[in-house]
PDB file of N, CA and C in Angstrom:
ATOM      1  N   UNK A   1      10.689  94.664  -7.466  1.00  0.00           N
ATOM      2  CA  UNK A   1      11.338  93.386  -7.753  1.00  0.00           C
ATOM      3  C   UNK A   1      10.497  92.591  -8.752  1.00  0.00           C
ATOM      4  N   UNK A   2      11.160  91.986  -9.692  1.00  0.00           N
ATOM      5  CA  UNK A   2      10.477  91.228 -10.739  1.00  0.00           C
ATOM      6  C   UNK A   2      10.327  89.772 -10.299  1.00  0.00           C
ATOM      7  N   UNK A   3       9.105  89.265 -10.422  1.00  0.00           N
ATOM      8  CA  UNK A   3       8.807  87.887 -10.074  1.00  0.00           C
ATOM      9  C   UNK A   3       9.711  86.933 -10.861  1.00  0.00           C
ATOM     10  N   UNK A   4      10.124  85.845 -10.231  1.00  0.00           N
ATOM     11  CA  UNK A   4      11.097  84.923 -10.833  1.00  0.00           C
ATOM     12  C   UNK A   4      10.632  84.379 -12.189  1.00  0.00           C
ATOM     13  N   UNK A   5       9.371  83.994 -12.308  1.00  0.00           N
ATOM     14  CA  UNK A   5       8.896  83.444 -13.585  1.00  0.00           C
ATOM     15  C   UNK A   5       8.953  84.499 -14.694  1.00  0.00           C
ATOM     16  N   UNK A   6       8.639  85.745 -14.348  1.00  0.00           N
ATOM     17  CA  UNK A   6       8.751  86.828 -15.331  1.00  0.00           C
ATOM     18  C   UNK A   6      10.216  87.048 -15.706  1.00  0.00           C
ATOM     19  N   UNK A   7      11.082  87.029 -14.716  1.00  0.00           N
ATOM     20  CA  UNK A   7      12.505  87.258 -14.981  1.00  0.00           C
ATOM     21  C   UNK A   7      13.074  86.188 -15.911  1.00  0.00           C
ATOM     22  N   UNK A   8      12.663  84.941 -15.699  1.00  0.00           N
ATOM     23  CA  UNK A   8      13.132  83.852 -16.566  1.00  0.00           C
ATOM     24  C   UNK A   8      12.653  84.064 -18.001  1.00  0.00           C
ATOM     25  N   UNK A   9      11.394  84.458 -18.157  1.00  0.00           N
ATOM     26  CA  UNK A   9      10.850  84.707 -19.510  1.00  0.00           C
ATOM     27  C   UNK A   9      11.570  85.881 -20.169  1.00  0.00           C
ATOM     28  N   UNK A  10      11.836  86.931 -19.394  1.00  0.00           N
ATOM     29  CA  UNK A  10      12.563  88.094 -19.915  1.00  0.00           C
ATOM     30  C   UNK A  10      13.965  87.699 -20.349  1.00  0.00           C
ATOM     31  N   UNK A  11      14.663  86.955 -19.497  1.00  0.00           N
ATOM     32  CA  UNK A  11      16.030  86.526 -19.822  1.00  0.00           C
ATOM     33  C   UNK A  11      16.053  85.682 -21.095  1.00  0.00           C
ATOM     34  N   UNK A  12      15.090  84.766 -21.224  1.00  0.00           N
ATOM     35  CA  UNK A  12      15.017  83.911 -22.409  1.00  0.00           C
ATOM     36  C   UNK A  12      14.719  84.756 -23.654  1.00  0.00           C
ATOM     37  N   UNK A  13      13.821  85.709 -23.536  1.00  0.00           N
ATOM     38  CA  UNK A  13      13.484  86.591 -24.650  1.00  0.00           C
ATOM     39  C   UNK A  13      14.718  87.361 -25.112  1.00  0.00           C
ATOM     40  N   UNK A  14      15.406  87.991 -24.176  1.00  0.00           N
ATOM     41  CA  UNK A  14      16.602  88.778 -24.516  1.00  0.00           C
ATOM     42  C   UNK A  14      17.654  87.888 -25.170  1.00  0.00           C
ATOM     43  N   UNK A  15      17.864  86.697 -24.609  1.00  0.00           N
ATOM     44  CA  UNK A  15      18.851  85.778 -25.175  1.00  0.00           C
ATOM     45  C   UNK A  15      18.515  85.448 -26.638  1.00  0.00           C
ATOM     46  N   UNK A  16      17.261  85.158 -26.899  1.00  0.00           N
ATOM     47  CA  UNK A  16      16.860  84.791 -28.261  1.00  0.00           C
ATOM     48  C   UNK A  16      16.900  85.984 -29.223  1.00  0.00           C
ATOM     49  N   UNK A  17      16.481  87.144 -28.753  1.00  0.00           N
ATOM     50  CA  UNK A  17      16.463  88.326 -29.613  1.00  0.00           C
ATOM     51  C   UNK A  17      17.876  88.806 -29.906  1.00  0.00           C
ATOM     52  N   UNK A  18      18.770  88.656 -28.972  1.00  0.00           N
ATOM     53  CA  UNK A  18      20.159  89.098 -29.157  1.00  0.00           C
ATOM     54  C   UNK A  18      20.847  88.376 -30.322  1.00  0.00           C
ATOM     55  N   UNK A  19      20.323  87.231 -30.745  1.00  0.00           N
ATOM     56  CA  UNK A  19      20.953  86.540 -31.875  1.00  0.00           C
ATOM     57  C   UNK A  19      20.816  87.327 -33.176  1.00  0.00           C
ATOM     58  N   UNK A  20      19.955  88.350 -33.173  1.00  0.00           N
ATOM     59  CA  UNK A  20      19.834  89.217 -34.344  1.00  0.00           C
ATOM     60  C   UNK A  20      20.895  90.309 -34.345  1.00  0.00           C
ATOM     61  N   UNK A  21      21.722  90.320 -33.313  1.00  0.00           N
ATOM     62  CA  UNK A  21      22.922  91.143 -33.218  1.00  0.00           C
ATOM     63  C   UNK A  21      22.800  92.585 -33.609  1.00  0.00           C
ATOM     64  N   UNK A  22      23.479  92.943 -34.692  1.00  0.00           N
ATOM     65  CA  UNK A  22      23.593  94.331 -35.133  1.00  0.00           C
ATOM     66  C   UNK A  22      22.257  94.967 -35.507  1.00  0.00           C
ATOM     67  N   UNK A  23      21.227  94.159 -35.720  1.00  0.00           N
ATOM     68  CA  UNK A  23      19.933  94.707 -36.124  1.00  0.00           C
ATOM     69  C   UNK A  23      19.143  95.256 -34.943  1.00  0.00           C
ATOM     70  N   UNK A  24      19.603  94.964 -33.726  1.00  0.00           N
ATOM     71  CA  UNK A  24      18.919  95.425 -32.515  1.00  0.00           C
ATOM     72  C   UNK A  24      19.743  96.521 -31.864  1.00  0.00           C
ATOM     73  N   UNK A  25      19.112  97.674 -31.675  1.00  0.00           N
ATOM     74  CA  UNK A  25      19.800  98.768 -30.992  1.00  0.00           C
ATOM     75  C   UNK A  25      19.589  98.691 -29.484  1.00  0.00           C
ATOM     76  N   UNK A  26      18.342  98.375 -29.072  1.00  0.00           N
ATOM     77  CA  UNK A  26      18.046  98.382 -27.643  1.00  0.00           C
ATOM     78  C   UNK A  26      16.801  97.543 -27.362  1.00  0.00           C
ATOM     79  N   UNK A  27      16.748  96.958 -26.166  1.00  0.00           N
ATOM     80  CA  UNK A  27      15.582  96.221 -25.690  1.00  0.00           C
ATOM     81  C   UNK A  27      15.204  96.841 -24.348  1.00  0.00           C
ATOM     82  N   UNK A  28      13.954  97.301 -24.249  1.00  0.00           N
ATOM     83  CA  UNK A  28      13.527  98.057 -23.069  1.00  0.00           C
ATOM     84  C   UNK A  28      12.272  97.426 -22.462  1.00  0.00           C
ATOM     85  N   UNK A  29      12.348  97.118 -21.180  1.00  0.00           N
ATOM     86  CA  UNK A  29      11.201  96.626 -20.419  1.00  0.00           C
ATOM     87  C   UNK A  29      10.433  97.828 -19.904  1.00  0.00           C
ATOM     88  N   UNK A  30       9.098  97.802 -20.024  1.00  0.00           N
ATOM     89  CA  UNK A  30       8.280  98.882 -19.478  1.00  0.00           C
ATOM     90  C   UNK A  30       6.949  98.296 -19.012  1.00  0.00           C
ATOM     91  N   UNK A  31       6.073  99.118 -18.520  1.00  0.00           N
ATOM     92  CA  UNK A  31       4.768  98.642 -18.082  1.00  0.00           C
ATOM     93  C   UNK A  31       4.769  98.140 -16.647  1.00  0.00           C
ATOM     94  N   UNK A  32       3.744  97.373 -16.302  1.00  0.00           N
ATOM     95  CA  UNK A  32       3.545  96.953 -14.913  1.00  0.00           C
ATOM     96  C   UNK A  32       4.698  96.124 -14.360  1.00  0.00           C
ATOM     97  N   UNK A  33       5.311  95.294 -15.177  1.00  0.00           N
ATOM     98  CA  UNK A  33       6.434  94.481 -14.688  1.00  0.00           C
ATOM     99  C   UNK A  33       7.616  95.378 -14.347  1.00  0.00           C
ATOM    100  N   UNK A  34       7.900  96.354 -15.189  1.00  0.00           N
ATOM    101  CA  UNK A  34       9.011  97.285 -14.935  1.00  0.00           C
ATOM    102  C   UNK A  34       8.751  98.124 -13.682  1.00  0.00           C
ATOM    103  N   UNK A  35       7.480  98.479 -13.467  1.00  0.00           N
ATOM    104  CA  UNK A  35       7.126  99.290 -12.302  1.00  0.00           C
ATOM    105  C   UNK A  35       7.030  98.471 -11.022  1.00  0.00           C
ATOM    106  N   UNK A  36       7.078  97.136 -11.133  1.00  0.00           N
ATOM    107  CA  UNK A  36       6.926  96.280  -9.959  1.00  0.00           C
ATOM    108  C   UNK A  36       5.480  96.154  -9.522  1.00  0.00           C
ATOM    109  N   UNK A  37       4.542  96.376 -10.453  1.00  0.00           N
ATOM    110  CA  UNK A  37       3.116  96.336 -10.142  1.00  0.00           C
ATOM    111  C   UNK A  37       2.393  95.201 -10.865  1.00  0.00           C
ATOM    112  N   UNK A  38       3.128  94.234 -11.375  1.00  0.00           N
ATOM    113  CA  UNK A  38       2.516  93.156 -12.155  1.00  0.00           C
ATOM    114  C   UNK A  38       1.611  92.295 -11.285  1.00  0.00           C
ATOM    115  N   UNK A  39       0.481  91.906 -11.892  1.00  0.00           N
ATOM    116  CA  UNK A  39      -0.430  90.955 -11.250  1.00  0.00           C
ATOM    117  C   UNK A  39      -0.169  89.574 -11.846  1.00  0.00           C
ATOM    118  N   UNK A  40      -0.880  88.609 -11.345  1.00  0.00           N
ATOM    119  CA  UNK A  40      -0.698  87.225 -11.803  1.00  0.00           C
ATOM    120  C   UNK A  40      -0.969  87.081 -13.305  1.00  0.00           C
ATOM    121  N   UNK A  41      -1.898  87.883 -13.835  1.00  0.00           N
ATOM    122  CA  UNK A  41      -2.270  87.765 -15.244  1.00  0.00           C
ATOM    123  C   UNK A  41      -1.623  88.831 -16.137  1.00  0.00           C
ATOM    124  N   UNK A  42      -0.658  89.552 -15.609  1.00  0.00           N
ATOM    125  CA  UNK A  42      -0.010  90.612 -16.389  1.00  0.00           C
ATOM    126  C   UNK A  42       0.863  90.041 -17.501  1.00  0.00           C
ATOM    127  N   UNK A  43       0.915  90.775 -18.603  1.00  0.00           N
ATOM    128  CA  UNK A  43       1.876  90.419 -19.646  1.00  0.00           C
ATOM    129  C   UNK A  43       3.155  91.212 -19.398  1.00  0.00           C
ATOM    130  N   UNK A  44       4.149  90.937 -20.197  1.00  0.00           N
ATOM    131  CA  UNK A  44       5.434  91.634 -20.094  1.00  0.00           C
ATOM    132  C   UNK A  44       5.544  92.548 -21.309  1.00  0.00           C
ATOM    133  N   UNK A  45       5.632  93.850 -21.058  1.00  0.00           N
ATOM    134  CA  UNK A  45       5.742  94.825 -22.144  1.00  0.00           C
ATOM    135  C   UNK A  45       7.200  95.107 -22.446  1.00  0.00           C
ATOM    136  N   UNK A  46       7.576  94.904 -23.701  1.00  0.00           N
ATOM    137  CA  UNK A  46       8.959  95.126 -24.123  1.00  0.00           C
ATOM    138  C   UNK A  46       8.972  95.904 -25.429  1.00  0.00           C
ATOM    139  N   UNK A  47       9.847  96.898 -25.481  1.00  0.00           N
ATOM    140  CA  UNK A  47      10.071  97.673 -26.700  1.00  0.00           C
ATOM    141  C   UNK A  47      11.426  97.285 -27.264  1.00  0.00           C
ATOM    142  N   UNK A  48      11.443  96.951 -28.548  1.00  0.00           N
ATOM    143  CA  UNK A  48      12.687  96.649 -29.246  1.00  0.00           C
ATOM    144  C   UNK A  48      12.915  97.763 -30.260  1.00  0.00           C
ATOM    145  N   UNK A  49      14.062  98.419 -30.162  1.00  0.00           N
ATOM    146  CA  UNK A  49      14.425  99.444 -31.133  1.00  0.00           C
ATOM    147  C   UNK A  49      15.380  98.780 -32.117  1.00  0.00           C
ATOM    148  N   UNK A  50      14.942  98.726 -33.378  1.00  0.00           N
ATOM    149  CA  UNK A  50      15.726  98.020 -34.390  1.00  0.00           C
ATOM    150  C   UNK A  50      16.354  98.992 -35.372  1.00  0.00           C
ATOM    151  N   UNK A  51      17.474  98.566 -35.881  1.00  0.00           N
ATOM    152  CA  UNK A  51      18.136  99.307 -36.957  1.00  0.00           C
ATOM    153  C   UNK A  51      17.575  98.739 -38.252  1.00  0.00           C
ATOM    154  N   UNK A  52      16.960  99.587 -39.037  1.00  0.00           N
ATOM    155  CA  UNK A  52      16.413  99.106 -40.297  1.00  0.00           C
ATOM    156  C   UNK A  52      14.931  98.828 -40.219  1.00  0.00           C
ATOM    157  N   UNK A  53      14.476  97.853 -40.992  1.00  0.00           N
ATOM    158  CA  UNK A  53      13.065  97.552 -41.192  1.00  0.00           C
ATOM    159  C   UNK A  53      12.412  96.971 -39.942  1.00  0.00           C
ATOM    160  N   UNK A  54      11.562  97.740 -39.300  1.00  0.00           N
ATOM    161  CA  UNK A  54      10.917  97.266 -38.075  1.00  0.00           C
ATOM    162  C   UNK A  54       9.853  96.210 -38.380  1.00  0.00           C
ATOM    163  N   UNK A  55       9.232  96.251 -39.570  1.00  0.00           N
ATOM    164  CA  UNK A  55       8.214  95.261 -39.921  1.00  0.00           C
ATOM    165  C   UNK A  55       8.818  93.862 -40.014  1.00  0.00           C
ATOM    166  N   UNK A  56       9.947  93.740 -40.690  1.00  0.00           N
ATOM    167  CA  UNK A  56      10.623  92.447 -40.798  1.00  0.00           C
ATOM    168  C   UNK A  56      11.038  91.931 -39.422  1.00  0.00           C
ATOM    169  N   UNK A  57      11.552  92.810 -38.595  1.00  0.00           N
ATOM    170  CA  UNK A  57      11.979  92.406 -37.257  1.00  0.00           C
ATOM    171  C   UNK A  57      10.774  91.997 -36.411  1.00  0.00           C
ATOM    172  N   UNK A  58       9.637  92.667 -36.563  1.00  0.00           N
ATOM    173  CA  UNK A  58       8.437  92.325 -35.793  1.00  0.00           C
ATOM    174  C   UNK A  58       8.017  90.884 -36.074  1.00  0.00           C
ATOM    175  N   UNK A  59       8.112  90.460 -37.333  1.00  0.00           N
ATOM    176  CA  UNK A  59       7.766  89.075 -37.673  1.00  0.00           C
ATOM    177  C   UNK A  59       8.679  88.094 -36.947  1.00  0.00           C
ATOM    178  N   UNK A  60       9.969  88.388 -36.930  1.00  0.00           N
ATOM    179  CA  UNK A  60      10.930  87.507 -36.243  1.00  0.00           C
ATOM    180  C   UNK A  60      10.663  87.469 -34.743  1.00  0.00           C
ATOM    181  N   UNK A  61      10.403  88.622 -34.165  1.00  0.00           N
ATOM    182  CA  UNK A  61      10.165  88.721 -32.732  1.00  0.00           C
ATOM    183  C   UNK A  61       8.883  87.984 -32.363  1.00  0.00           C
ATOM    184  N   UNK A  62       7.874  88.045 -33.222  1.00  0.00           N
ATOM    185  CA  UNK A  62       6.608  87.351 -32.956  1.00  0.00           C
ATOM    186  C   UNK A  62       6.818  85.856 -32.777  1.00  0.00           C
ATOM    187  N   UNK A  63       7.718  85.280 -33.543  1.00  0.00           N
ATOM    188  CA  UNK A  63       8.030  83.856 -33.398  1.00  0.00           C
ATOM    189  C   UNK A  63       8.615  83.561 -32.027  1.00  0.00           C
ATOM    190  N   UNK A  64       9.490  84.430 -31.548  1.00  0.00           N
ATOM    191  CA  UNK A  64      10.093  84.264 -30.221  1.00  0.00           C
ATOM    192  C   UNK A  64       9.011  84.370 -29.156  1.00  0.00           C
ATOM    193  N   UNK A  65       8.109  85.338 -29.308  1.00  0.00           N
ATOM    194  CA  UNK A  65       7.024  85.541 -28.340  1.00  0.00           C
ATOM    195  C   UNK A  65       6.169  84.281 -28.228  1.00  0.00           C
ATOM    196  N   UNK A  66       5.810  83.684 -29.359  1.00  0.00           N
ATOM    197  CA  UNK A  66       4.975  82.478 -29.354  1.00  0.00           C
ATOM    198  C   UNK A  66       5.699  81.324 -28.667  1.00  0.00           C
ATOM    199  N   UNK A  67       6.966  81.140 -28.967  1.00  0.00           N
ATOM    200  CA  UNK A  67       7.739  80.058 -28.343  1.00  0.00           C
ATOM    201  C   UNK A  67       7.794  80.214 -26.830  1.00  0.00           C
ATOM    202  N   UNK A  68       8.021  81.429 -26.360  1.00  0.00           N
ATOM    203  CA  UNK A  68       8.091  81.666 -24.913  1.00  0.00           C
ATOM    204  C   UNK A  68       6.721  81.463 -24.276  1.00  0.00           C
ATOM    205  N   UNK A  69       5.661  81.905 -24.943  1.00  0.00           N
ATOM    206  CA  UNK A  69       4.314  81.689 -24.426  1.00  0.00           C
ATOM    207  C   UNK A  69       4.018  80.199 -24.286  1.00  0.00           C
ATOM    208  N   UNK A  70       4.360  79.418 -25.297  1.00  0.00           N
ATOM    209  CA  UNK A  70       4.118  77.976 -25.250  1.00  0.00           C
ATOM    210  C   UNK A  70       4.944  77.292 -24.168  1.00  0.00           C
ATOM    211  N   UNK A  71       6.173  77.760 -23.957  1.00  0.00           N
ATOM    212  CA  UNK A  71       7.057  77.138 -22.963  1.00  0.00           C
ATOM    213  C   UNK A  71       6.782  77.570 -21.530  1.00  0.00           C
ATOM    214  N   UNK A  72       6.301  78.806 -21.338  1.00  0.00           N
ATOM    215  CA  UNK A  72       6.172  79.342 -19.976  1.00  0.00           C
ATOM    216  C   UNK A  72       4.751  79.736 -19.585  1.00  0.00           C
ATOM    217  N   UNK A  73       3.883  79.936 -20.570  1.00  0.00           N
ATOM    218  CA  UNK A  73       2.542  80.438 -20.292  1.00  0.00           C
ATOM    219  C   UNK A  73       2.512  81.938 -20.050  1.00  0.00           C
ATOM    220  N   UNK A  74       3.636  82.601 -20.243  1.00  0.00           N
ATOM    221  CA  UNK A  74       3.731  84.043 -20.027  1.00  0.00           C
ATOM    222  C   UNK A  74       3.756  84.739 -21.387  1.00  0.00           C
ATOM    223  N   UNK A  75       2.871  85.747 -21.531  1.00  0.00           N
ATOM    224  CA  UNK A  75       2.800  86.478 -22.786  1.00  0.00           C
ATOM    225  C   UNK A  75       3.685  87.711 -22.727  1.00  0.00           C
ATOM    226  N   UNK A  76       4.511  87.860 -23.736  1.00  0.00           N
ATOM    227  CA  UNK A  76       5.336  89.049 -23.878  1.00  0.00           C
ATOM    228  C   UNK A  76       4.725  89.889 -24.995  1.00  0.00           C
ATOM    229  N   UNK A  77       4.348  91.102 -24.650  1.00  0.00           N
ATOM    230  CA  UNK A  77       3.828  92.053 -25.627  1.00  0.00           C
ATOM    231  C   UNK A  77       5.020  92.863 -26.143  1.00  0.00           C
ATOM    232  N   UNK A  78       5.523  92.455 -27.294  1.00  0.00           N
ATOM    233  CA  UNK A  78       6.739  93.060 -27.841  1.00  0.00           C
ATOM    234  C   UNK A  78       6.393  94.008 -28.976  1.00  0.00           C
ATOM    235  N   UNK A  79       6.806  95.238 -28.831  1.00  0.00           N
ATOM    236  CA  UNK A  79       6.602  96.255 -29.878  1.00  0.00           C
ATOM    237  C   UNK A  79       7.961  96.566 -30.480  1.00  0.00           C
ATOM    238  N   UNK A  80       8.041  96.490 -31.807  1.00  0.00           N
ATOM    239  CA  UNK A  80       9.287  96.777 -32.510  1.00  0.00           C
ATOM    240  C   UNK A  80       9.121  98.082 -33.281  1.00  0.00           C
ATOM    241  N   UNK A  81      10.061  98.992 -33.063  1.00  0.00           N
ATOM    242  CA  UNK A  81      10.086 100.236 -33.830  1.00  0.00           C
ATOM    243  C   UNK A  81      11.518 100.468 -34.311  1.00  0.00           C
ATOM    244  N   UNK A  82      11.630 101.200 -35.389  1.00  0.00           N
ATOM    245  CA  UNK A  82      12.969 101.512 -35.913  1.00  0.00           C
ATOM    246  C   UNK A  82      13.576 102.652 -35.109  1.00  0.00           C
ATOM    247  N   UNK A  83      14.868 102.819 -35.249  1.00  0.00           N
ATOM    248  CA  UNK A  83      15.564 103.932 -34.602  1.00  0.00           C
ATOM    249  C   UNK A  83      14.948 105.258 -35.041  1.00  0.00           C
ATOM    250  N   UNK A  84      14.607 105.358 -36.324  1.00  0.00           N
ATOM    251  CA  UNK A  84      14.007 106.584 -36.845  1.00  0.00           C
ATOM    252  C   UNK A  84      12.655 106.860 -36.194  1.00  0.00           C
ATOM    253  N   UNK A  85      11.836 105.811 -36.040  1.00  0.00           N
ATOM    254  CA  UNK A  85      10.534 105.977 -35.383  1.00  0.00           C
ATOM    255  C   UNK A  85      10.697 106.406 -33.927  1.00  0.00           C
ATOM    256  N   UNK A  86      11.671 105.809 -33.252  1.00  0.00           N
ATOM    257  CA  UNK A  86      11.934 106.165 -31.849  1.00  0.00           C
ATOM    258  C   UNK A  86      12.354 107.635 -31.749  1.00  0.00           C
ATOM    259  N   UNK A  87      13.255 108.060 -32.629  1.00  0.00           N
ATOM    260  CA  UNK A  87      13.715 109.450 -32.618  1.00  0.00           C
ATOM    261  C   UNK A  87      12.570 110.421 -32.906  1.00  0.00           C
ATOM    262  N   UNK A  88      11.676 110.057 -33.818  1.00  0.00           N
ATOM    263  CA  UNK A  88      10.517 110.894 -34.108  1.00  0.00           C
ATOM    264  C   UNK A  88       9.633 111.025 -32.860  1.00  0.00           C
ATOM    265  N   UNK A  89       9.374 109.910 -32.184  1.00  0.00           N
ATOM    266  CA  UNK A  89       8.565 109.962 -30.957  1.00  0.00           C
ATOM    267  C   UNK A  89       9.231 110.835 -29.904  1.00  0.00           C
ATOM    268  N   UNK A  90      10.536 110.755 -29.826  1.00  0.00           N
ATOM    269  CA  UNK A  90      11.271 111.594 -28.869  1.00  0.00           C
ATOM    270  C   UNK A  90      11.155 113.065 -29.255  1.00  0.00           C
ATOM    271  N   UNK A  91      11.311 113.365 -30.531  1.00  0.00           N
ATOM    272  CA  UNK A  91      11.266 114.755 -31.003  1.00  0.00           C
ATOM    273  C   UNK A  91       9.897 115.408 -30.796  1.00  0.00           C
ATOM    274  N   UNK A  92       8.831 114.630 -30.945  1.00  0.00           N
ATOM    275  CA  UNK A  92       7.495 115.197 -30.747  1.00  0.00           C
ATOM    276  C   UNK A  92       7.019 115.011 -29.307  1.00  0.00           C
ATOM    277  N   UNK A  93       7.862 114.380 -28.493  1.00  0.00           N
ATOM    278  CA  UNK A  93       7.570 114.147 -27.074  1.00  0.00           C
ATOM    279  C   UNK A  93       6.237 113.417 -26.894  1.00  0.00           C
ATOM    280  N   UNK A  94       6.067 112.325 -27.624  1.00  0.00           N
ATOM    281  CA  UNK A  94       4.824 111.558 -27.565  1.00  0.00           C
ATOM    282  C   UNK A  94       4.618 110.966 -26.176  1.00  0.00           C
ATOM    283  N   UNK A  95       3.369 110.674 -25.850  1.00  0.00           N
ATOM    284  CA  UNK A  95       3.066 110.088 -24.534  1.00  0.00           C
ATOM    285  C   UNK A  95       3.747 108.720 -24.384  1.00  0.00           C
ATOM    286  N   UNK A  96       3.826 107.959 -25.479  1.00  0.00           N
ATOM    287  CA  UNK A  96       4.507 106.670 -25.413  1.00  0.00           C
ATOM    288  C   UNK A  96       5.984 106.859 -25.072  1.00  0.00           C
ATOM    289  N   UNK A  97       6.627 107.828 -25.716  1.00  0.00           N
ATOM    290  CA  UNK A  97       8.026 108.110 -25.424  1.00  0.00           C
ATOM    291  C   UNK A  97       8.211 108.544 -23.975  1.00  0.00           C
ATOM    292  N   UNK A  98       7.329 109.416 -23.496  1.00  0.00           N
ATOM    293  CA  UNK A  98       7.424 109.867 -22.101  1.00  0.00           C
ATOM    294  C   UNK A  98       7.286 108.693 -21.140  1.00  0.00           C
ATOM    295  N   UNK A  99       6.373 107.781 -21.448  1.00  0.00           N
ATOM    296  CA  UNK A  99       6.169 106.595 -20.628  1.00  0.00           C
ATOM    297  C   UNK A  99       7.442 105.728 -20.593  1.00  0.00           C
ATOM    298  N   UNK A 100       8.027 105.489 -21.753  1.00  0.00           N
ATOM    299  CA  UNK A 100       9.264 104.698 -21.842  1.00  0.00           C
ATOM    300  C   UNK A 100      10.393 105.395 -21.090  1.00  0.00           C
ATOM    301  N   UNK A 101      10.494 106.697 -21.247  1.00  0.00           N
ATOM    302  CA  UNK A 101      11.558 107.464 -20.570  1.00  0.00           C
ATOM    303  C   UNK A 101      11.414 107.403 -19.059  1.00  0.00           C
ATOM    304  N   UNK A 102      10.180 107.420 -18.596  1.00  0.00           N
ATOM    305  CA  UNK A 102       9.912 107.464 -17.147  1.00  0.00           C
ATOM    306  C   UNK A 102      10.136 106.108 -16.487  1.00  0.00           C
ATOM    307  N   UNK A 103       9.600 105.048 -17.090  1.00  0.00           N
ATOM    308  CA  UNK A 103       9.608 103.760 -16.400  1.00  0.00           C
ATOM    309  C   UNK A 103      10.433 102.677 -17.079  1.00  0.00           C
ATOM    310  N   UNK A 104      10.936 102.948 -18.275  1.00  0.00           N
ATOM    311  CA  UNK A 104      11.650 101.925 -19.034  1.00  0.00           C
ATOM    312  C   UNK A 104      12.957 101.494 -18.387  1.00  0.00           C
ATOM    313  N   UNK A 105      13.223 100.197 -18.495  1.00  0.00           N
ATOM    314  CA  UNK A 105      14.465  99.610 -17.992  1.00  0.00           C
ATOM    315  C   UNK A 105      15.155  98.943 -19.179  1.00  0.00           C
ATOM    316  N   UNK A 106      16.345  99.413 -19.523  1.00  0.00           N
ATOM    317  CA  UNK A 106      17.095  98.805 -20.629  1.00  0.00           C
ATOM    318  C   UNK A 106      17.565  97.426 -20.174  1.00  0.00           C
ATOM    319  N   UNK A 107      17.157  96.395 -20.936  1.00  0.00           N
ATOM    320  CA  UNK A 107      17.497  95.017 -20.568  1.00  0.00           C
ATOM    321  C   UNK A 107      18.367  94.351 -21.622  1.00  0.00           C
ATOM    322  N   UNK A 108      18.665  95.050 -22.681  1.00  0.00           N
ATOM    323  CA  UNK A 108      19.518  94.471 -23.707  1.00  0.00           C
ATOM    324  C   UNK A 108      19.842  95.445 -24.796  1.00  0.00           C
TER     325      UNK A 108
END
């Protein structure tokens, strides 16, 4: 079960990121919060799979992360990768991909 303060931060993050619409393929929660093992000082690990330029999207997402941190005190560690990068990780069966496949929760 996800702690209420984390859930509120996650919901706010997804709401704000969704405004980028067609540029976002998927938003995936992973890490200690997804596993239900978060401690008081844990961050929230989120993977955003974007269509197109992941660098440009990372800049936009960073602004959302800062706003949520300032409003809630909760840090979201958001990693943005393109669909192509995600497919490459899947094809080579990278440890990061295996981790996402095992514990990831699609949240948007």
